[in-house]
Amino acid sequence: MAGLRGAGRAYNTERTYSGRIALYLSYCTDNGIDWAAPALPQLLSFQRWLIEEPLPGRGKRPPVELRFRSKGTANAITGTMGDFLSWCALQGWVPASVASMLVQPKYLRYTPPGFDPGEDGQNRVIQSRRIKYRVAVPGYEWLTDEEIRHLLNCTTRARDRFLIGLLATTGMRIGEALGLRREDMHFLPDSSLLGCRVEGPHVHVRRRVNSNGAYAKSVEPRWITVQSDIVQLYNAYQYERDEVPQAADCDMVFVNLFHAPLGEPMKYPSTYDLFVRLANKAGFRARPHMLRHSAITRWARNDMPRDMRQKLAGHASPSSQDRYTHTTDQEKREAVEMVAERTKEMWA
């Protein structure tokens, strides 16, 4: 964990890795395996155990039906295990042979955009993970503008409307939104009195260490312009917030107003529960990251330059934009009908 922290990894990464590593160490203890010198068959058994062992129930009641990890989840856990053992090998705690057996050479027949295969194709041979299930690539979910409007109509609180509106228009990650402070909200036409040269209403996104565990993934600070409707949602939220005296001294933007501890910064679990309730009410799946996909898709459809979308989204690599191209069923239908019409004209 100190190694992750020293490398500047996100707080949530550290928390997730710690649970996965603890799961591996516990499995080794329960099965009499030396965690620092496991044999390949033992690691493959751990891989199978991950998907065959039922998950524990939530709370004190036994589960109504058994739940199991998916192969994708198992891959994430074994990937963390591999990183852990490789890092331990660098420290001299694990034999180098253990780290080397976790990978195998793989020839890339198809290369991603921008990949340099080398003059003789020497870069096409990479080291691939040996312990990994083959799984289908999951699709990325998003919400249409109509679904976002419906989700807003399902809210009864100004804070929640502002959160949804902010995520849907700025493309922020949920960790970035929960990490906002009131000093980041430059919603005046002129922010020069605040020492800011950016014109018009905007919000600043900065990486900080926050008491609620919220963390900005991007190391580069950025600002995002907002429109008047977001400013109005924020003003309505401020009136709602002023009704809770405990929130007066908290500098975080999003705070608990309706349950204890009042006035404390909102955390990931409570935000997740909020979206679950709204999704149940709306009748469709809705998660914070889906709003990020919606925002970036909207920018692309309005012909915003790719480099500008990258800066607004806080992406380190231009290729990260590739997954944010979504089409609706209606758009697919119209595209097929257009091609069919042109084909008829060609054959006429």
Protein backbone atom coordinates (compact mmCIF):
# COMPACT_ATOMS: atom_id res chain seq x y z
CA MET A 1 0.00 0.00 0.00
CA ALA A 2 2.89 2.34 0.71
CA GLY A 3 4.25 1.56 -2.74
CA LEU A 4 0.92 2.49 -4.36
CA ARG A 5 0.73 5.66 -2.33
CA GLY A 6 4.28 6.58 -3.23
CA ALA A 7 3.50 6.10 -6.91
CA GLY A 8 0.64 8.60 -6.65
CA ARG A 9 -2.14 6.06 -7.26
CA ALA A 10 -5.68 7.10 -6.40
CA TYR A 11 -7.08 6.51 -2.92
CA ASN A 12 -9.78 4.23 -4.33
CA THR A 13 -7.15 2.16 -6.13
CA GLU A 14 -5.31 1.67 -2.85
CA ARG A 15 -8.51 0.66 -1.08
CA THR A 16 -9.53 -1.76 -3.84
CA TYR A 17 -6.08 -3.33 -4.10
CA SER A 18 -5.90 -3.87 -0.35
CA GLY A 19 -9.10 -5.93 -0.37
CA ARG A 20 -7.98 -8.04 -3.33
CA ILE A 21 -4.54 -8.71 -1.84
CA ALA A 22 -6.13 -9.64 1.49
CA LEU A 23 -8.36 -12.11 -0.38
CA TYR A 24 -5.32 -13.75 -1.98
CA LEU A 25 -3.40 -13.93 1.30
CA SER A 26 -6.41 -15.37 3.11
CA TYR A 27 -6.86 -18.03 0.44
CA CYS A 28 -3.20 -19.02 0.79
CA THR A 29 -3.52 -19.25 4.57
CA ASP A 30 -6.71 -21.34 4.41
CA ASN A 31 -5.20 -23.77 1.87
CA GLY A 32 -1.69 -24.08 3.28
CA ILE A 33 -0.01 -22.25 0.40
CA ASP A 34 3.15 -20.22 0.79
CA TRP A 35 1.94 -16.89 -0.58
CA ALA A 36 5.50 -15.87 -1.56
CA ALA A 37 6.27 -19.07 -3.48
CA PRO A 38 3.07 -20.41 -5.00
CA ALA A 39 3.16 -22.97 -7.79
CA LEU A 40 1.31 -22.25 -11.03
CA PRO A 41 -1.33 -24.97 -10.40
CA GLN A 42 -2.04 -23.38 -7.01
CA LEU A 43 -2.61 -19.96 -8.63
CA LEU A 44 -4.87 -21.55 -11.24
CA SER A 45 -6.84 -23.16 -8.41
CA PHE A 46 -7.21 -19.72 -6.83
CA GLN A 47 -8.51 -18.44 -10.16
CA ARG A 48 -11.18 -21.17 -10.29
CA TRP A 49 -12.06 -20.67 -6.62
CA LEU A 50 -12.83 -17.01 -7.29
CA ILE A 51 -15.76 -17.84 -9.58
CA GLU A 52 -16.88 -21.06 -7.87
CA GLU A 53 -16.95 -19.84 -4.26
CA PRO A 54 -20.27 -18.14 -3.35
CA LEU A 55 -20.00 -14.58 -2.13
CA PRO A 56 -20.90 -13.92 1.52
CA GLY A 57 -24.31 -12.46 2.25
CA ARG A 58 -24.84 -8.80 2.93
CA GLY A 59 -25.70 -7.99 6.52
CA LYS A 60 -26.66 -10.54 9.15
CA ARG A 61 -29.36 -12.32 7.14
CA PRO A 62 -28.39 -15.27 4.93
CA PRO A 63 -28.60 -14.52 1.19
CA VAL A 64 -31.87 -15.33 -0.55
CA GLU A 65 -29.93 -16.74 -3.50
CA LEU A 66 -26.25 -17.48 -3.94
CA ARG A 67 -24.14 -14.87 -5.69
CA PHE A 68 -20.88 -15.54 -7.51
CA ARG A 69 -18.07 -13.44 -8.92
CA SER A 70 -17.97 -12.99 -12.66
CA LYS A 71 -14.93 -13.99 -14.70
CA GLY A 72 -14.26 -10.29 -15.27
CA THR A 73 -14.12 -9.71 -11.51
CA ALA A 74 -11.85 -12.73 -11.13
CA ASN A 75 -9.53 -11.25 -13.77
CA ALA A 76 -9.35 -7.99 -11.85
CA ILE A 77 -8.43 -9.83 -8.64
CA THR A 78 -5.79 -12.06 -10.24
CA GLY A 79 -4.38 -9.02 -12.04
CA THR A 80 -3.93 -7.26 -8.72
CA MET A 81 -2.41 -10.42 -7.30
CA GLY A 82 0.08 -10.46 -10.16
CA ASP A 83 1.00 -6.81 -9.60
CA PHE A 84 1.46 -7.54 -5.91
CA LEU A 85 3.74 -10.55 -6.45
CA SER A 86 5.76 -8.70 -9.11
CA TRP A 87 6.25 -5.75 -6.78
CA CYS A 88 7.27 -8.10 -3.96
CA ALA A 89 9.82 -9.71 -6.33
CA LEU A 90 11.41 -6.30 -6.81
CA GLN A 91 11.72 -6.01 -3.03
CA GLY A 92 13.38 -9.41 -2.81
CA TRP A 93 10.47 -10.94 -0.88
CA VAL A 94 9.36 -13.22 -3.71
CA PRO A 95 11.57 -15.27 -6.07
CA ALA A 96 11.93 -13.76 -9.53
CA SER A 97 10.72 -17.06 -10.98
CA VAL A 98 7.28 -16.45 -9.43
CA ALA A 99 6.91 -13.11 -11.19
CA SER A 100 8.14 -14.53 -14.50
CA MET A 101 5.63 -17.40 -14.52
CA LEU A 102 2.75 -14.93 -14.27
CA VAL A 103 3.34 -13.71 -17.83
CA GLN A 104 3.85 -15.27 -21.24
CA PRO A 105 4.83 -13.88 -24.66
CA LYS A 106 2.00 -12.93 -26.97
CA TYR A 107 2.12 -11.83 -30.61
CA LEU A 108 -0.19 -8.94 -31.50
CA ARG A 109 -1.85 -9.68 -34.84
CA TYR A 110 -3.92 -6.52 -34.54
CA THR A 111 -2.47 -3.40 -32.98
CA PRO A 112 -4.31 -0.44 -31.43
CA PRO A 113 -4.26 2.99 -33.15
CA GLY A 114 -0.93 4.75 -32.73
CA PHE A 115 0.96 1.55 -31.83
CA ASP A 116 4.51 1.36 -33.25
CA PRO A 117 5.16 -2.27 -34.31
CA GLY A 118 8.81 -1.55 -35.09
CA GLU A 119 10.65 -1.87 -38.38
CA ASP A 120 10.70 -5.67 -38.22
CA GLY A 121 7.58 -6.08 -36.11
CA GLN A 122 9.65 -6.69 -33.01
CA ASN A 123 7.29 -4.65 -30.81
CA ARG A 124 4.37 -6.94 -31.64
CA VAL A 125 5.60 -9.50 -29.10
CA ILE A 126 4.47 -8.39 -25.65
CA GLN A 127 4.24 -9.97 -22.22
CA SER A 128 0.66 -11.04 -21.55
CA ARG A 129 -0.94 -12.23 -18.32
CA ARG A 130 -0.95 -16.02 -18.03
CA ILE A 131 -3.71 -16.29 -15.40
CA LYS A 132 -6.71 -14.71 -17.05
CA TYR A 133 -10.15 -15.77 -18.21
CA ARG A 134 -11.23 -14.90 -21.73
CA VAL A 135 -14.27 -12.69 -21.41
CA ALA A 136 -16.30 -10.60 -23.80
CA VAL A 137 -15.57 -6.88 -23.84
CA PRO A 138 -18.33 -5.20 -21.81
CA GLY A 139 -20.29 -2.42 -23.42
CA TYR A 140 -20.18 1.07 -21.97
CA GLU A 141 -23.48 2.38 -20.68
CA TRP A 142 -24.76 5.91 -21.12
CA LEU A 143 -27.98 7.89 -20.86
CA THR A 144 -29.75 9.79 -23.61
CA ASP A 145 -30.78 13.41 -23.08
CA GLU A 146 -34.39 12.26 -22.65
CA GLU A 147 -33.36 9.78 -19.95
CA ILE A 148 -31.35 12.45 -18.15
CA ARG A 149 -34.35 14.79 -18.15
CA HIS A 150 -36.51 11.97 -16.78
CA LEU A 151 -33.92 11.26 -14.08
CA LEU A 152 -33.94 14.95 -13.10
CA ASN A 153 -37.72 14.86 -12.88
CA CYS A 154 -37.47 11.93 -10.46
CA THR A 155 -35.46 13.96 -7.96
CA THR A 156 -37.16 15.78 -5.11
CA ARG A 157 -34.12 17.58 -3.71
CA ALA A 158 -32.17 20.50 -5.12
CA ARG A 159 -28.82 18.95 -4.14
CA ASP A 160 -29.51 15.81 -6.16
CA ARG A 161 -30.70 17.80 -9.18
CA PHE A 162 -27.52 19.86 -9.10
CA LEU A 163 -25.34 16.75 -8.82
CA ILE A 164 -27.02 15.08 -11.81
CA GLY A 165 -26.98 18.26 -13.87
CA LEU A 166 -23.31 18.91 -13.09
CA LEU A 167 -22.21 15.37 -14.00
CA ALA A 168 -24.30 15.34 -17.17
CA THR A 169 -22.95 18.62 -18.53
CA THR A 170 -19.33 18.72 -17.35
CA GLY A 171 -18.43 15.04 -17.79
CA MET A 172 -16.83 14.92 -14.35
CA ARG A 173 -16.03 11.66 -12.67
CA ILE A 174 -18.03 11.11 -9.50
CA GLY A 175 -14.85 11.28 -7.40
CA GLU A 176 -14.08 14.68 -8.89
CA ALA A 177 -17.58 15.95 -8.12
CA LEU A 178 -17.58 14.71 -4.52
CA GLY A 179 -14.14 16.29 -4.07
CA LEU A 180 -15.29 19.76 -5.14
CA ARG A 181 -15.03 22.58 -2.65
CA ARG A 182 -17.00 25.79 -2.62
CA GLU A 183 -13.91 27.73 -3.62
CA ASP A 184 -13.90 25.76 -6.90
CA MET A 185 -17.32 27.07 -7.93
CA HIS A 186 -16.65 30.23 -9.95
CA PHE A 187 -20.19 30.92 -11.03
CA LEU A 188 -19.92 34.70 -11.44
CA PRO A 189 -19.63 36.35 -14.87
CA ASP A 190 -16.28 37.77 -13.74
CA SER A 191 -14.02 35.79 -11.38
CA SER A 192 -11.11 38.23 -11.39
CA LEU A 193 -11.85 39.20 -7.77
CA LEU A 194 -11.18 35.55 -6.90
CA GLY A 195 -7.80 35.69 -8.59
CA CYS A 196 -9.05 33.70 -11.60
CA ARG A 197 -8.59 34.83 -15.19
CA VAL A 198 -11.14 32.44 -16.69
CA GLU A 199 -14.13 34.32 -18.09
CA GLY A 200 -17.71 33.32 -17.45
CA PRO A 201 -19.19 30.75 -15.05
CA HIS A 202 -16.99 27.67 -14.64
CA VAL A 203 -15.87 25.06 -12.14
CA HIS A 204 -12.32 24.02 -11.25
CA VAL A 205 -11.33 20.36 -10.83
CA ARG A 206 -8.26 19.73 -8.69
CA ARG A 207 -6.68 16.65 -7.14
CA ARG A 208 -6.67 16.82 -3.36
CA VAL A 209 -6.74 14.57 -0.32
CA ASN A 210 -10.30 14.78 0.99
CA SER A 211 -11.79 13.52 4.23
CA ASN A 212 -14.60 11.69 2.39
CA GLY A 213 -12.16 9.66 0.26
CA ALA A 214 -13.16 11.43 -2.96
CA TYR A 215 -10.28 11.66 -5.38
CA ALA A 216 -9.67 13.29 -8.75
CA LYS A 217 -8.15 10.70 -11.08
CA SER A 218 -6.46 13.26 -13.31
CA VAL A 219 -3.26 14.77 -11.91
CA GLU A 220 -3.66 17.85 -14.10
CA PRO A 221 -6.01 20.55 -12.78
CA ARG A 222 -8.60 21.79 -15.24
CA TRP A 223 -11.62 24.06 -15.48
CA ILE A 224 -14.93 23.41 -17.22
CA THR A 225 -17.38 26.04 -18.41
CA VAL A 226 -20.99 25.73 -17.22
CA GLN A 227 -24.17 27.29 -18.50
CA SER A 228 -26.77 29.37 -16.68
CA ASP A 229 -29.06 26.39 -15.99
CA ILE A 230 -26.33 24.74 -13.90
CA VAL A 231 -25.78 28.00 -12.02
CA GLN A 232 -29.51 28.12 -11.27
CA LEU A 233 -29.44 24.53 -9.98
CA TYR A 234 -26.50 25.44 -7.75
CA ASN A 235 -28.30 28.51 -6.35
CA ALA A 236 -31.35 26.40 -5.55
CA TYR A 237 -29.12 23.91 -3.78
CA GLN A 238 -27.55 26.70 -1.71
CA TYR A 239 -31.00 27.70 -0.38
CA GLU A 240 -31.63 24.06 0.56
CA ARG A 241 -28.21 23.78 2.18
CA ASP A 242 -28.69 26.95 4.23
CA GLU A 243 -31.61 25.24 5.97
CA VAL A 244 -29.13 22.84 7.63
CA PRO A 245 -26.97 24.75 10.15
CA GLN A 246 -24.49 21.87 10.45
CA ALA A 247 -23.45 22.38 6.82
CA ALA A 248 -22.37 26.00 7.27
CA ASP A 249 -18.78 25.28 8.24
CA CYS A 250 -18.09 22.57 5.65
CA ASP A 251 -16.19 23.73 2.56
CA MET A 252 -17.13 20.67 0.49
CA VAL A 253 -19.83 21.28 -2.12
CA PHE A 254 -21.85 18.09 -1.67
CA VAL A 255 -22.80 17.37 1.95
CA ASN A 256 -25.31 15.28 3.89
CA LEU A 257 -28.51 17.29 4.36
CA PHE A 258 -31.10 14.60 5.01
CA HIS A 259 -29.44 12.02 7.26
CA ALA A 260 -26.68 11.82 9.84
CA PRO A 261 -23.99 12.93 10.03
CA LEU A 262 -25.56 16.21 8.89
CA GLY A 263 -23.21 18.67 7.25
CA GLU A 264 -20.51 16.06 6.59
CA PRO A 265 -19.19 15.55 3.02
CA MET A 266 -21.06 13.01 0.93
CA LYS A 267 -19.22 9.71 0.38
CA TYR A 268 -19.26 7.13 -2.39
CA PRO A 269 -21.61 4.63 -0.67
CA SER A 270 -24.34 7.20 0.02
CA THR A 271 -24.04 8.57 -3.54
CA TYR A 272 -24.31 5.05 -4.94
CA ASP A 273 -27.45 4.44 -2.87
CA LEU A 274 -28.89 7.71 -4.17
CA PHE A 275 -28.49 6.63 -7.79
CA VAL A 276 -29.93 3.20 -7.03
CA ARG A 277 -33.06 4.83 -5.62
CA LEU A 278 -33.36 7.20 -8.57
CA ALA A 279 -32.83 4.37 -11.06
CA ASN A 280 -35.58 2.32 -9.43
CA LYS A 281 -37.89 5.30 -9.60
CA ALA A 282 -36.98 6.13 -13.20
CA GLY A 283 -37.31 2.54 -14.38
CA PHE A 284 -33.87 2.21 -16.01
CA ARG A 285 -30.27 1.72 -14.93
CA ALA A 286 -28.52 4.95 -13.92
CA ARG A 287 -25.03 5.31 -12.52
CA PRO A 288 -22.81 8.39 -12.13
CA HIS A 289 -20.27 7.27 -14.75
CA MET A 290 -23.03 6.88 -17.32
CA LEU A 291 -23.56 10.65 -17.12
CA ARG A 292 -19.88 11.17 -17.92
CA HIS A 293 -20.29 9.05 -21.05
CA SER A 294 -23.39 11.06 -21.95
CA ALA A 295 -21.57 14.38 -21.67
CA ILE A 296 -18.57 13.35 -23.77
CA THR A 297 -20.82 11.73 -26.38
CA ARG A 298 -22.78 14.98 -26.62
CA TRP A 299 -19.57 16.93 -27.16
CA ALA A 300 -18.51 14.57 -29.95
CA ARG A 301 -21.88 14.82 -31.69
CA ASN A 302 -21.64 18.58 -31.66
CA ASP A 303 -18.28 18.36 -33.46
CA MET A 304 -16.16 19.51 -30.55
CA PRO A 305 -12.49 18.94 -31.49
CA ARG A 306 -11.01 15.74 -30.11
CA ASP A 307 -8.19 17.47 -28.22
CA MET A 308 -10.68 19.81 -26.55
CA ARG A 309 -12.84 16.86 -25.47
CA GLN A 310 -9.74 15.23 -24.04
CA LYS A 311 -8.88 18.31 -21.97
CA LEU A 312 -12.41 18.81 -20.67
CA ALA A 313 -12.70 15.13 -19.72
CA GLY A 314 -9.30 15.03 -18.03
CA HIS A 315 -8.06 12.15 -20.17
CA ALA A 316 -4.32 11.55 -20.20
CA SER A 317 -4.43 9.75 -23.56
CA PRO A 318 -6.31 10.71 -26.75
CA SER A 319 -7.26 7.04 -27.24
CA SER A 320 -9.43 7.22 -24.12
CA GLN A 321 -11.97 9.10 -26.23
CA ASP A 322 -12.62 6.03 -28.40
CA ARG A 323 -14.96 4.37 -25.89
CA TYR A 324 -17.20 7.46 -25.71
CA THR A 325 -18.93 6.99 -29.07
CA HIS A 326 -22.50 5.89 -28.51
CA THR A 327 -25.52 5.63 -30.77
CA THR A 328 -29.19 5.22 -29.96
CA ASP A 329 -31.42 2.52 -31.42
CA GLN A 330 -33.21 5.19 -33.44
CA GLU A 331 -29.93 6.42 -34.93
CA LYS A 332 -28.94 2.88 -35.88
CA ARG A 333 -32.34 2.33 -37.50
CA GLU A 334 -32.09 5.58 -39.46
CA ALA A 335 -28.58 4.70 -40.64
CA VAL A 336 -29.67 1.24 -41.87
CA GLU A 337 -32.72 2.72 -43.60
CA MET A 338 -30.57 5.35 -45.29
CA VAL A 339 -28.17 2.71 -46.64
CA ALA A 340 -31.09 0.56 -47.78
CA GLU A 341 -32.62 3.53 -49.62
CA ARG A 342 -29.36 4.29 -51.38
CA THR A 343 -29.00 0.62 -52.33
CA LYS A 344 -32.46 0.68 -53.95
CA GLU A 345 -31.47 3.76 -55.93
CA MET A 346 -28.32 2.01 -57.18
CA TRP A 347 -30.28 -1.05 -58.30
CA ALA A 348 -33.16 0.89 -59.85
